[in-house]
Amino acid sequence: GMIAEAAYLRAQARGFTPGGEEEDWLAAEA
């Protein structure tokens, strides 16, 4: 859940543009 929230915030910061979901998740996980 913490990773999902951090990934969401990363996606929001980049304007939810498609194509960066996996990078958002991996960066949030790290």
mmCIF file of all heavy atoms, coordinates in Angstrom:
data_MODEL
# 
_entry.id   MODEL 
# 
loop_
_atom_site.group_PDB 
_atom_site.id 
_atom_site.type_symbol 
_atom_site.label_atom_id 
_atom_site.label_alt_id 
_atom_site.label_comp_id 
_atom_site.label_asym_id 
_atom_site.label_entity_id 
_atom_site.label_seq_id 
_atom_site.pdbx_PDB_ins_code 
_atom_site.Cartn_x 
_atom_site.Cartn_y 
_atom_site.Cartn_z 
_atom_site.occupancy 
_atom_site.B_iso_or_equiv 
_atom_site.pdbx_formal_charge 
_atom_site.auth_seq_id 
_atom_site.auth_comp_id 
_atom_site.auth_asym_id 
_atom_site.auth_atom_id 
_atom_site.pdbx_PDB_model_num 
ATOM 1   N N   . GLY A 1 1  ? 0.815  -1.217 0.000   1.00 0.00 ? 1  GLY A N   1 
ATOM 2   C CA  . GLY A 1 1  ? 0.000  0.000  0.000   1.00 0.00 ? 1  GLY A CA  1 
ATOM 3   C C   . GLY A 1 1  ? 0.846  1.262  0.000   1.00 0.00 ? 1  GLY A C   1 
ATOM 4   O O   . GLY A 1 1  ? 0.520  2.239  -0.674  1.00 0.00 ? 1  GLY A O   1 
ATOM 5   N N   . MET A 1 2  ? 1.942  1.229  0.747   1.00 0.00 ? 2  MET A N   1 
ATOM 6   C CA  . MET A 1 2  ? 2.849  2.380  0.770   1.00 0.00 ? 2  MET A CA  1 
ATOM 7   C C   . MET A 1 2  ? 3.480  2.596  -0.604  1.00 0.00 ? 2  MET A C   1 
ATOM 8   O O   . MET A 1 2  ? 3.599  3.731  -1.078  1.00 0.00 ? 2  MET A O   1 
ATOM 9   C CB  . MET A 1 2  ? 3.927  2.163  1.833   1.00 0.00 ? 2  MET A CB  1 
ATOM 10  C CG  . MET A 1 2  ? 3.413  2.150  3.260   1.00 0.00 ? 2  MET A CG  1 
ATOM 11  S SD  . MET A 1 2  ? 4.619  1.539  4.456   1.00 0.00 ? 2  MET A SD  1 
ATOM 12  C CE  . MET A 1 2  ? 5.761  2.912  4.493   1.00 0.00 ? 2  MET A CE  1 
ATOM 13  N N   . ILE A 1 3  ? 3.861  1.492  -1.249  1.00 0.00 ? 3  ILE A N   1 
ATOM 14  C CA  . ILE A 1 3  ? 4.446  1.587  -2.592  1.00 0.00 ? 3  ILE A CA  1 
ATOM 15  C C   . ILE A 1 3  ? 3.417  2.124  -3.570  1.00 0.00 ? 3  ILE A C   1 
ATOM 16  O O   . ILE A 1 3  ? 3.717  3.006  -4.389  1.00 0.00 ? 3  ILE A O   1 
ATOM 17  C CB  . ILE A 1 3  ? 4.991  0.217  -3.042  1.00 0.00 ? 3  ILE A CB  1 
ATOM 18  C CG1 . ILE A 1 3  ? 6.172  -0.197 -2.163  1.00 0.00 ? 3  ILE A CG1 1 
ATOM 19  C CG2 . ILE A 1 3  ? 5.406  0.246  -4.514  1.00 0.00 ? 3  ILE A CG2 1 
ATOM 20  C CD1 . ILE A 1 3  ? 6.596  -1.642 -2.325  1.00 0.00 ? 3  ILE A CD1 1 
ATOM 21  N N   . ALA A 1 4  ? 2.192  1.614  -3.495  1.00 0.00 ? 4  ALA A N   1 
ATOM 22  C CA  . ALA A 1 4  ? 1.136  2.072  -4.405  1.00 0.00 ? 4  ALA A CA  1 
ATOM 23  C C   . ALA A 1 4  ? 0.879  3.566  -4.237  1.00 0.00 ? 4  ALA A C   1 
ATOM 24  O O   . ALA A 1 4  ? 0.716  4.295  -5.224  1.00 0.00 ? 4  ALA A O   1 
ATOM 25  C CB  . ALA A 1 4  ? -0.144 1.267  -4.168  1.00 0.00 ? 4  ALA A CB  1 
ATOM 26  N N   . GLU A 1 5  ? 0.852  4.025  -3.003  1.00 0.00 ? 5  GLU A N   1 
ATOM 27  C CA  . GLU A 1 5  ? 0.622  5.450  -2.760  1.00 0.00 ? 5  GLU A CA  1 
ATOM 28  C C   . GLU A 1 5  ? 1.774  6.296  -3.307  1.00 0.00 ? 5  GLU A C   1 
ATOM 29  O O   . GLU A 1 5  ? 1.558  7.329  -3.940  1.00 0.00 ? 5  GLU A O   1 
ATOM 30  C CB  . GLU A 1 5  ? 0.444  5.702  -1.262  1.00 0.00 ? 5  GLU A CB  1 
ATOM 31  C CG  . GLU A 1 5  ? 0.101  7.116  -0.925  1.00 0.00 ? 5  GLU A CG  1 
ATOM 32  C CD  . GLU A 1 5  ? -0.162 7.325  0.564   1.00 0.00 ? 5  GLU A CD  1 
ATOM 33  O OE1 . GLU A 1 5  ? -0.259 6.341  1.310   1.00 0.00 ? 5  GLU A OE1 1 
ATOM 34  O OE2 . GLU A 1 5  ? -0.265 8.495  0.967   1.00 0.00 ? 5  GLU A OE2 1 
ATOM 35  N N   . ALA A 1 6  ? 3.003  5.849  -3.074  1.00 0.00 ? 6  ALA A N   1 
ATOM 36  C CA  . ALA A 1 6  ? 4.164  6.595  -3.577  1.00 0.00 ? 6  ALA A CA  1 
ATOM 37  C C   . ALA A 1 6  ? 4.187  6.593  -5.104  1.00 0.00 ? 6  ALA A C   1 
ATOM 38  O O   . ALA A 1 6  ? 4.513  7.608  -5.729  1.00 0.00 ? 6  ALA A O   1 
ATOM 39  C CB  . ALA A 1 6  ? 5.451  5.996  -3.016  1.00 0.00 ? 6  ALA A CB  1 
ATOM 40  N N   . ALA A 1 7  ? 3.818  5.463  -5.730  1.00 0.00 ? 7  ALA A N   1 
ATOM 41  C CA  . ALA A 1 7  ? 3.782  5.390  -7.193  1.00 0.00 ? 7  ALA A CA  1 
ATOM 42  C C   . ALA A 1 7  ? 2.704  6.321  -7.742  1.00 0.00 ? 7  ALA A C   1 
ATOM 43  O O   . ALA A 1 7  ? 2.908  7.001  -8.762  1.00 0.00 ? 7  ALA A O   1 
ATOM 44  C CB  . ALA A 1 7  ? 3.534  3.953  -7.647  1.00 0.00 ? 7  ALA A CB  1 
ATOM 45  N N   . TYR A 1 8  ? 1.563  6.371  -7.066  1.00 0.00 ? 8  TYR A N   1 
ATOM 46  C CA  . TYR A 1 8  ? 0.493  7.280  -7.486  1.00 0.00 ? 8  TYR A CA  1 
ATOM 47  C C   . TYR A 1 8  ? 0.972  8.734  -7.430  1.00 0.00 ? 8  TYR A C   1 
ATOM 48  O O   . TYR A 1 8  ? 0.735  9.513  -8.359  1.00 0.00 ? 8  TYR A O   1 
ATOM 49  C CB  . TYR A 1 8  ? -0.738 7.098  -6.605  1.00 0.00 ? 8  TYR A CB  1 
ATOM 50  C CG  . TYR A 1 8  ? -1.833 8.091  -6.916  1.00 0.00 ? 8  TYR A CG  1 
ATOM 51  C CD1 . TYR A 1 8  ? -2.749 7.834  -7.925  1.00 0.00 ? 8  TYR A CD1 1 
ATOM 52  C CD2 . TYR A 1 8  ? -1.925 9.295  -6.217  1.00 0.00 ? 8  TYR A CD2 1 
ATOM 53  C CE1 . TYR A 1 8  ? -3.746 8.751  -8.226  1.00 0.00 ? 8  TYR A CE1 1 
ATOM 54  C CE2 . TYR A 1 8  ? -2.915 10.218 -6.523  1.00 0.00 ? 8  TYR A CE2 1 
ATOM 55  C CZ  . TYR A 1 8  ? -3.825 9.936  -7.519  1.00 0.00 ? 8  TYR A CZ  1 
ATOM 56  O OH  . TYR A 1 8  ? -4.797 10.851 -7.834  1.00 0.00 ? 8  TYR A OH  1 
ATOM 57  N N   . LEU A 1 9  ? 1.638  9.094  -6.357  1.00 0.00 ? 9  LEU A N   1 
ATOM 58  C CA  . LEU A 1 9  ? 2.125  10.471 -6.219  1.00 0.00 ? 9  LEU A CA  1 
ATOM 59  C C   . LEU A 1 9  ? 3.158  10.803 -7.299  1.00 0.00 ? 9  LEU A C   1 
ATOM 60  O O   . LEU A 1 9  ? 3.195  11.924 -7.808  1.00 0.00 ? 9  LEU A O   1 
ATOM 61  C CB  . LEU A 1 9  ? 2.701  10.692 -4.827  1.00 0.00 ? 9  LEU A CB  1 
ATOM 62  C CG  . LEU A 1 9  ? 1.677  10.642 -3.690  1.00 0.00 ? 9  LEU A CG  1 
ATOM 63  C CD1 . LEU A 1 9  ? 2.378  10.704 -2.334  1.00 0.00 ? 9  LEU A CD1 1 
ATOM 64  C CD2 . LEU A 1 9  ? 0.646  11.744 -3.828  1.00 0.00 ? 9  LEU A CD2 1 
ATOM 65  N N   . ARG A 1 10 ? 3.985  9.821  -7.652  1.00 0.00 ? 10 ARG A N   1 
ATOM 66  C CA  . ARG A 1 10 ? 4.946  10.041 -8.746  1.00 0.00 ? 10 ARG A CA  1 
ATOM 67  C C   . ARG A 1 10 ? 4.211  10.246 -10.063 1.00 0.00 ? 10 ARG A C   1 
ATOM 68  O O   . ARG A 1 10 ? 4.571  11.125 -10.855 1.00 0.00 ? 10 ARG A O   1 
ATOM 69  C CB  . ARG A 1 10 ? 5.911  8.870  -8.849  1.00 0.00 ? 10 ARG A CB  1 
ATOM 70  C CG  . ARG A 1 10 ? 6.910  8.825  -7.725  1.00 0.00 ? 10 ARG A CG  1 
ATOM 71  C CD  . ARG A 1 10 ? 7.803  7.589  -7.826  1.00 0.00 ? 10 ARG A CD  1 
ATOM 72  N NE  . ARG A 1 10 ? 8.823  7.642  -6.821  1.00 0.00 ? 10 ARG A NE  1 
ATOM 73  C CZ  . ARG A 1 10 ? 9.970  8.298  -6.953  1.00 0.00 ? 10 ARG A CZ  1 
ATOM 74  N NH1 . ARG A 1 10 ? 10.241 8.928  -8.059  1.00 0.00 ? 10 ARG A NH1 1 
ATOM 75  N NH2 . ARG A 1 10 ? 10.844 8.313  -5.977  1.00 0.00 ? 10 ARG A NH2 1 
ATOM 76  N N   . ALA A 1 11 ? 3.194  9.412  -10.332 1.00 0.00 ? 11 ALA A N   1 
ATOM 77  C CA  . ALA A 1 11 ? 2.420  9.548  -11.570 1.00 0.00 ? 11 ALA A CA  1 
ATOM 78  C C   . ALA A 1 11 ? 1.703  10.893 -11.604 1.00 0.00 ? 11 ALA A C   1 
ATOM 79  O O   . ALA A 1 11 ? 1.647  11.555 -12.646 1.00 0.00 ? 11 ALA A O   1 
ATOM 80  C CB  . ALA A 1 11 ? 1.419  8.404  -11.686 1.00 0.00 ? 11 ALA A CB  1 
ATOM 81  N N   . GLN A 1 12 ? 1.181  11.305 -10.475 1.00 0.00 ? 12 GLN A N   1 
ATOM 82  C CA  . GLN A 1 12 ? 0.497  12.599 -10.396 1.00 0.00 ? 12 GLN A CA  1 
ATOM 83  C C   . GLN A 1 12 ? 1.470  13.731 -10.688 1.00 0.00 ? 12 GLN A C   1 
ATOM 84  O O   . GLN A 1 12 ? 1.143  14.680 -11.402 1.00 0.00 ? 12 GLN A O   1 
ATOM 85  C CB  . GLN A 1 12 ? -0.112 12.766 -9.005  1.00 0.00 ? 12 GLN A CB  1 
ATOM 86  C CG  . GLN A 1 12 ? -0.918 14.025 -8.827  1.00 0.00 ? 12 GLN A CG  1 
ATOM 87  C CD  . GLN A 1 12 ? -1.463 14.155 -7.413  1.00 0.00 ? 12 GLN A CD  1 
ATOM 88  O OE1 . GLN A 1 12 ? -0.785 13.805 -6.451  1.00 0.00 ? 12 GLN A OE1 1 
ATOM 89  N NE2 . GLN A 1 12 ? -2.687 14.629 -7.296  1.00 0.00 ? 12 GLN A NE2 1 
ATOM 90  N N   . ALA A 1 13 ? 2.690  13.630 -10.170 1.00 0.00 ? 13 ALA A N   1 
ATOM 91  C CA  . ALA A 1 13 ? 3.690  14.680 -10.382 1.00 0.00 ? 13 ALA A CA  1 
ATOM 92  C C   . ALA A 1 13 ? 4.083  14.804 -11.854 1.00 0.00 ? 13 ALA A C   1 
ATOM 93  O O   . ALA A 1 13 ? 4.420  15.886 -12.318 1.00 0.00 ? 13 ALA A O   1 
ATOM 94  C CB  . ALA A 1 13 ? 4.926  14.398 -9.535  1.00 0.00 ? 13 ALA A CB  1 
ATOM 95  N N   . ARG A 1 14 ? 4.006  13.701 -12.589 1.00 0.00 ? 14 ARG A N   1 
ATOM 96  C CA  . ARG A 1 14 ? 4.343  13.763 -14.014 1.00 0.00 ? 14 ARG A CA  1 
ATOM 97  C C   . ARG A 1 14 ? 3.104  13.950 -14.883 1.00 0.00 ? 14 ARG A C   1 
ATOM 98  O O   . ARG A 1 14 ? 3.155  13.825 -16.104 1.00 0.00 ? 14 ARG A O   1 
ATOM 99  C CB  . ARG A 1 14 ? 5.162  12.554 -14.442 1.00 0.00 ? 14 ARG A CB  1 
ATOM 100 C CG  . ARG A 1 14 ? 4.485  11.236 -14.332 1.00 0.00 ? 14 ARG A CG  1 
ATOM 101 C CD  . ARG A 1 14 ? 5.368  10.083 -14.836 1.00 0.00 ? 14 ARG A CD  1 
ATOM 102 N NE  . ARG A 1 14 ? 4.686  8.830  -14.620 1.00 0.00 ? 14 ARG A NE  1 
ATOM 103 C CZ  . ARG A 1 14 ? 3.690  8.385  -15.370 1.00 0.00 ? 14 ARG A CZ  1 
ATOM 104 N NH1 . ARG A 1 14 ? 3.284  9.074  -16.397 1.00 0.00 ? 14 ARG A NH1 1 
ATOM 105 N NH2 . ARG A 1 14 ? 3.091  7.245  -15.084 1.00 0.00 ? 14 ARG A NH2 1 
ATOM 106 N N   . GLY A 1 15 ? 1.969  14.252 -14.259 1.00 0.00 ? 15 GLY A N   1 
ATOM 107 C CA  . GLY A 1 15 ? 0.745  14.564 -14.996 1.00 0.00 ? 15 GLY A CA  1 
ATOM 108 C C   . GLY A 1 15 ? 0.008  13.356 -15.546 1.00 0.00 ? 15 GLY A C   1 
ATOM 109 O O   . GLY A 1 15 ? -0.767 13.480 -16.496 1.00 0.00 ? 15 GLY A O   1 
ATOM 110 N N   . PHE A 1 16 ? 0.256  12.179 -14.982 1.00 0.00 ? 16 PHE A N   1 
ATOM 111 C CA  . PHE A 1 16 ? -0.401 10.938 -15.401 1.00 0.00 ? 16 PHE A CA  1 
ATOM 112 C C   . PHE A 1 16 ? -0.213 10.632 -16.888 1.00 0.00 ? 16 PHE A C   1 
ATOM 113 O O   . PHE A 1 16 ? -1.055 10.003 -17.511 1.00 0.00 ? 16 PHE A O   1 
ATOM 114 C CB  . PHE A 1 16 ? -1.903 10.951 -15.054 1.00 0.00 ? 16 PHE A CB  1 
ATOM 115 C CG  . PHE A 1 16 ? -2.173 11.021 -13.585 1.00 0.00 ? 16 PHE A CG  1 
ATOM 116 C CD1 . PHE A 1 16 ? -2.673 12.192 -13.024 1.00 0.00 ? 16 PHE A CD1 1 
ATOM 117 C CD2 . PHE A 1 16 ? -1.920 9.952  -12.751 1.00 0.00 ? 16 PHE A CD2 1 
ATOM 118 C CE1 . PHE A 1 16 ? -2.925 12.276 -11.655 1.00 0.00 ? 16 PHE A CE1 1 
ATOM 119 C CE2 . PHE A 1 16 ? -2.172 10.030 -11.387 1.00 0.00 ? 16 PHE A CE2 1 
ATOM 120 C CZ  . PHE A 1 16 ? -2.679 11.195 -10.837 1.00 0.00 ? 16 PHE A CZ  1 
ATOM 121 N N   . THR A 1 17 ? 0.899  11.080 -17.444 1.00 0.00 ? 17 THR A N   1 
ATOM 122 C CA  . THR A 1 17 ? 1.143  10.758 -18.851 1.00 0.00 ? 17 THR A CA  1 
ATOM 123 C C   . THR A 1 17 ? 1.429  9.271  -18.963 1.00 0.00 ? 17 THR A C   1 
ATOM 124 O O   . THR A 1 17 ? 2.130  8.694  -18.126 1.00 0.00 ? 17 THR A O   1 
ATOM 125 C CB  . THR A 1 17 ? 2.332  11.569 -19.412 1.00 0.00 ? 17 THR A CB  1 
ATOM 126 O OG1 . THR A 1 17 ? 3.462  11.353 -18.575 1.00 0.00 ? 17 THR A OG1 1 
ATOM 127 C CG2 . THR A 1 17 ? 2.001  13.052 -19.479 1.00 0.00 ? 17 THR A CG2 1 
ATOM 128 N N   . PRO A 1 18 ? 0.874  8.612  -19.980 1.00 0.00 ? 18 PRO A N   1 
ATOM 129 C CA  . PRO A 1 18 ? 1.052  7.161  -20.116 1.00 0.00 ? 18 PRO A CA  1 
ATOM 130 C C   . PRO A 1 18 ? 2.510  6.791  -20.411 1.00 0.00 ? 18 PRO A C   1 
ATOM 131 O O   . PRO A 1 18 ? 3.270  7.584  -20.966 1.00 0.00 ? 18 PRO A O   1 
ATOM 132 C CB  . PRO A 1 18 ? 0.160  6.787  -21.299 1.00 0.00 ? 18 PRO A CB  1 
ATOM 133 C CG  . PRO A 1 18 ? -0.608 7.998  -21.670 1.00 0.00 ? 18 PRO A CG  1 
ATOM 134 C CD  . PRO A 1 18 ? -0.003 9.167  -20.992 1.00 0.00 ? 18 PRO A CD  1 
ATOM 135 N N   . GLY A 1 19 ? 2.859  5.574  -20.023 1.00 0.00 ? 19 GLY A N   1 
ATOM 136 C CA  . GLY A 1 19 ? 4.162  5.042  -20.357 1.00 0.00 ? 19 GLY A CA  1 
ATOM 137 C C   . GLY A 1 19 ? 5.179  5.037  -19.236 1.00 0.00 ? 19 GLY A C   1 
ATOM 138 O O   . GLY A 1 19 ? 6.257  4.488  -19.395 1.00 0.00 ? 19 GLY A O   1 
ATOM 139 N N   . GLY A 1 20 ? 4.880  5.611  -18.100 1.00 0.00 ? 20 GLY A N   1 
ATOM 140 C CA  . GLY A 1 20 ? 5.853  5.645  -17.016 1.00 0.00 ? 20 GLY A CA  1 
ATOM 141 C C   . GLY A 1 20 ? 5.417  4.881  -15.787 1.00 0.00 ? 20 GLY A C   1 
ATOM 142 O O   . GLY A 1 20 ? 6.014  5.032  -14.724 1.00 0.00 ? 20 GLY A O   1 
ATOM 143 N N   . GLU A 1 21 ? 4.399  4.059  -15.922 1.00 0.00 ? 21 GLU A N   1 
ATOM 144 C CA  . GLU A 1 21 ? 3.835  3.376  -14.755 1.00 0.00 ? 21 GLU A CA  1 
ATOM 145 C C   . GLU A 1 21 ? 4.833  2.436  -14.096 1.00 0.00 ? 21 GLU A C   1 
ATOM 146 O O   . GLU A 1 21 ? 4.966  2.410  -12.870 1.00 0.00 ? 21 GLU A O   1 
ATOM 147 C CB  . GLU A 1 21 ? 2.577  2.582  -15.144 1.00 0.00 ? 21 GLU A CB  1 
ATOM 148 C CG  . GLU A 1 21 ? 1.439  3.431  -15.650 1.00 0.00 ? 21 GLU A CG  1 
ATOM 149 C CD  . GLU A 1 21 ? 1.533  3.728  -17.152 1.00 0.00 ? 21 GLU A CD  1 
ATOM 150 O OE1 . GLU A 1 21 ? 2.464  3.235  -17.832 1.00 0.00 ? 21 GLU A OE1 1 
ATOM 151 O OE2 . GLU A 1 21 ? 0.662  4.480  -17.627 1.00 0.00 ? 21 GLU A OE2 1 
ATOM 152 N N   . GLU A 1 22 ? 5.546  1.651  -14.910 1.00 0.00 ? 22 GLU A N   1 
ATOM 153 C CA  . GLU A 1 22 ? 6.500  0.694  -14.343 1.00 0.00 ? 22 GLU A CA  1 
ATOM 154 C C   . GLU A 1 22 ? 7.655  1.418  -13.648 1.00 0.00 ? 22 GLU A C   1 
ATOM 155 O O   . GLU A 1 22 ? 8.071  1.024  -12.551 1.00 0.00 ? 22 GLU A O   1 
ATOM 156 C CB  . GLU A 1 22 ? 7.048  -0.223 -15.438 1.00 0.00 ? 22 GLU A CB  1 
ATOM 157 C CG  . GLU A 1 22 ? 7.899  -1.342 -14.887 1.00 0.00 ? 22 GLU A CG  1 
ATOM 158 C CD  . GLU A 1 22 ? 8.312  -2.350 -15.955 1.00 0.00 ? 22 GLU A CD  1 
ATOM 159 O OE1 . GLU A 1 22 ? 7.765  -2.320 -17.072 1.00 0.00 ? 22 GLU A OE1 1 
ATOM 160 O OE2 . GLU A 1 22 ? 9.197  -3.163 -15.645 1.00 0.00 ? 22 GLU A OE2 1 
ATOM 161 N N   . GLU A 1 23 ? 8.134  2.488  -14.258 1.00 0.00 ? 23 GLU A N   1 
ATOM 162 C CA  . GLU A 1 23 ? 9.208  3.264  -13.639 1.00 0.00 ? 23 GLU A CA  1 
ATOM 163 C C   . GLU A 1 23 ? 8.740  3.889  -12.327 1.00 0.00 ? 23 GLU A C   1 
ATOM 164 O O   . GLU A 1 23 ? 9.490  3.936  -11.348 1.00 0.00 ? 23 GLU A O   1 
ATOM 165 C CB  . GLU A 1 23 ? 9.718  4.357  -14.587 1.00 0.00 ? 23 GLU A CB  1 
ATOM 166 C CG  . GLU A 1 23 ? 10.481 3.828  -15.789 1.00 0.00 ? 23 GLU A CG  1 
ATOM 167 C CD  . GLU A 1 23 ? 9.565  3.351  -16.911 1.00 0.00 ? 23 GLU A CD  1 
ATOM 168 O OE1 . GLU A 1 23 ? 8.342  3.635  -16.863 1.00 0.00 ? 23 GLU A OE1 1 
ATOM 169 O OE2 . GLU A 1 23 ? 10.062 2.686  -17.830 1.00 0.00 ? 23 GLU A OE2 1 
ATOM 170 N N   . ASP A 1 24 ? 7.490  4.378  -12.315 1.00 0.00 ? 24 ASP A N   1 
ATOM 171 C CA  . ASP A 1 24 ? 6.929  4.950  -11.085 1.00 0.00 ? 24 ASP A CA  1 
ATOM 172 C C   . ASP A 1 24 ? 6.913  3.900  -9.979  1.00 0.00 ? 24 ASP A C   1 
ATOM 173 O O   . ASP A 1 24 ? 7.297  4.168  -8.841  1.00 0.00 ? 24 ASP A O   1 
ATOM 174 C CB  . ASP A 1 24 ? 5.499  5.461  -11.310 1.00 0.00 ? 24 ASP A CB  1 
ATOM 175 C CG  . ASP A 1 24 ? 5.445  6.679  -12.200 1.00 0.00 ? 24 ASP A CG  1 
ATOM 176 O OD1 . ASP A 1 24 ? 6.463  7.382  -12.328 1.00 0.00 ? 24 ASP A OD1 1 
ATOM 177 O OD2 . ASP A 1 24 ? 4.358  6.918  -12.779 1.00 0.00 ? 24 ASP A OD2 1 
ATOM 178 N N   . TRP A 1 25 ? 6.451  2.693  -10.315 1.00 0.00 ? 25 TRP A N   1 
ATOM 179 C CA  . TRP A 1 25 ? 6.330  1.622  -9.324  1.00 0.00 ? 25 TRP A CA  1 
ATOM 180 C C   . TRP A 1 25 ? 7.712  1.230  -8.795  1.00 0.00 ? 25 TRP A C   1 
ATOM 181 O O   . TRP A 1 25 ? 7.915  1.110  -7.584  1.00 0.00 ? 25 TRP A O   1 
ATOM 182 C CB  . TRP A 1 25 ? 5.612  0.411  -9.904  1.00 0.00 ? 25 TRP A CB  1 
ATOM 183 C CG  . TRP A 1 25 ? 5.361  -0.623 -8.856  1.00 0.00 ? 25 TRP A CG  1 
ATOM 184 C CD1 . TRP A 1 25 ? 6.182  -1.651 -8.495  1.00 0.00 ? 25 TRP A CD1 1 
ATOM 185 C CD2 . TRP A 1 25 ? 4.232  -0.691 -7.980  1.00 0.00 ? 25 TRP A CD2 1 
ATOM 186 N NE1 . TRP A 1 25 ? 5.636  -2.363 -7.472  1.00 0.00 ? 25 TRP A NE1 1 
ATOM 187 C CE2 . TRP A 1 25 ? 4.437  -1.803 -7.132  1.00 0.00 ? 25 TRP A CE2 1 
ATOM 188 C CE3 . TRP A 1 25 ? 3.080  0.062  -7.844  1.00 0.00 ? 25 TRP A CE3 1 
ATOM 189 C CZ2 . TRP A 1 25 ? 3.520  -2.170 -6.164  1.00 0.00 ? 25 TRP A CZ2 1 
ATOM 190 C CZ3 . TRP A 1 25 ? 2.162  -0.309 -6.873  1.00 0.00 ? 25 TRP A CZ3 1 
ATOM 191 C CH2 . TRP A 1 25 ? 2.384  -1.410 -6.039  1.00 0.00 ? 25 TRP A CH2 1 
ATOM 192 N N   . LEU A 1 26 ? 8.672  1.032  -9.703  1.00 0.00 ? 26 LEU A N   1 
ATOM 193 C CA  . LEU A 1 26 ? 10.003 0.598  -9.282  1.00 0.00 ? 26 LEU A CA  1 
ATOM 194 C C   . LEU A 1 26 ? 10.705 1.655  -8.435  1.00 0.00 ? 26 LEU A C   1 
ATOM 195 O O   . LEU A 1 26 ? 11.351 1.331  -7.430  1.00 0.00 ? 26 LEU A O   1 
ATOM 196 C CB  . LEU A 1 26 ? 10.841 0.233  -10.506 1.00 0.00 ? 26 LEU A CB  1 
ATOM 197 C CG  . LEU A 1 26 ? 10.348 -1.002 -11.278 1.00 0.00 ? 26 LEU A CG  1 
ATOM 198 C CD1 . LEU A 1 26 ? 11.150 -1.175 -12.556 1.00 0.00 ? 26 LEU A CD1 1 
ATOM 199 C CD2 . LEU A 1 26 ? 10.394 -2.247 -10.412 1.00 0.00 ? 26 LEU A CD2 1 
ATOM 200 N N   . ALA A 1 27 ? 10.557 2.911  -8.806  1.00 0.00 ? 27 ALA A N   1 
ATOM 201 C CA  . ALA A 1 27 ? 11.164 3.987  -8.016  1.00 0.00 ? 27 ALA A CA  1 
ATOM 202 C C   . ALA A 1 27 ? 10.492 4.093  -6.651  1.00 0.00 ? 27 ALA A C   1 
ATOM 203 O O   . ALA A 1 27 ? 11.166 4.292  -5.629  1.00 0.00 ? 27 ALA A O   1 
ATOM 204 C CB  . ALA A 1 27 ? 11.057 5.311  -8.767  1.00 0.00 ? 27 ALA A CB  1 
ATOM 205 N N   . ALA A 1 28 ? 9.183  3.947  -6.622  1.00 0.00 ? 28 ALA A N   1 
ATOM 206 C CA  . ALA A 1 28 ? 8.452  4.005  -5.346  1.00 0.00 ? 28 ALA A CA  1 
ATOM 207 C C   . ALA A 1 28 ? 8.837  2.829  -4.462  1.00 0.00 ? 28 ALA A C   1 
ATOM 208 O O   . ALA A 1 28 ? 9.020  2.990  -3.246  1.00 0.00 ? 28 ALA A O   1 
ATOM 209 C CB  . ALA A 1 28 ? 6.948  4.003  -5.604  1.00 0.00 ? 28 ALA A CB  1 
ATOM 210 N N   . GLU A 1 29 ? 8.981  1.660  -5.049  1.00 0.00 ? 29 GLU A N   1 
ATOM 211 C CA  . GLU A 1 29 ? 9.378  0.471  -4.286  1.00 0.00 ? 29 GLU A CA  1 
ATOM 212 C C   . GLU A 1 29 ? 10.765 0.666  -3.664  1.00 0.00 ? 29 GLU A C   1 
ATOM 213 O O   . GLU A 1 29 ? 10.973 0.376  -2.488  1.00 0.00 ? 29 GLU A O   1 
ATOM 214 C CB  . GLU A 1 29 ? 9.372  -0.750 -5.202  1.00 0.00 ? 29 GLU A CB  1 
ATOM 215 C CG  . GLU A 1 29 ? 9.604  -2.058 -4.498  1.00 0.00 ? 29 GLU A CG  1 
ATOM 216 C CD  . GLU A 1 29 ? 9.445  -3.236 -5.431  1.00 0.00 ? 29 GLU A CD  1 
ATOM 217 O OE1 . GLU A 1 29 ? 9.745  -3.117 -6.631  1.00 0.00 ? 29 GLU A OE1 1 
ATOM 218 O OE2 . GLU A 1 29 ? 9.014  -4.291 -4.941  1.00 0.00 ? 29 GLU A OE2 1 
ATOM 219 N N   . ALA A 1 30 ? 11.693 1.191  -4.449  1.00 0.00 ? 30 ALA A N   1 
ATOM 220 C CA  . ALA A 1 30 ? 13.040 1.439  -3.931  1.00 0.00 ? 30 ALA A CA  1 
ATOM 221 C C   . ALA A 1 30 ? 13.003 2.470  -2.805  1.00 0.00 ? 30 ALA A C   1 
ATOM 222 O O   . ALA A 1 30 ? 13.687 2.326  -1.789  1.00 0.00 ? 30 ALA A O   1 
ATOM 223 C CB  . ALA A 1 30 ? 13.958 1.902  -5.059  1.00 0.00 ? 30 ALA A CB  1 
# 
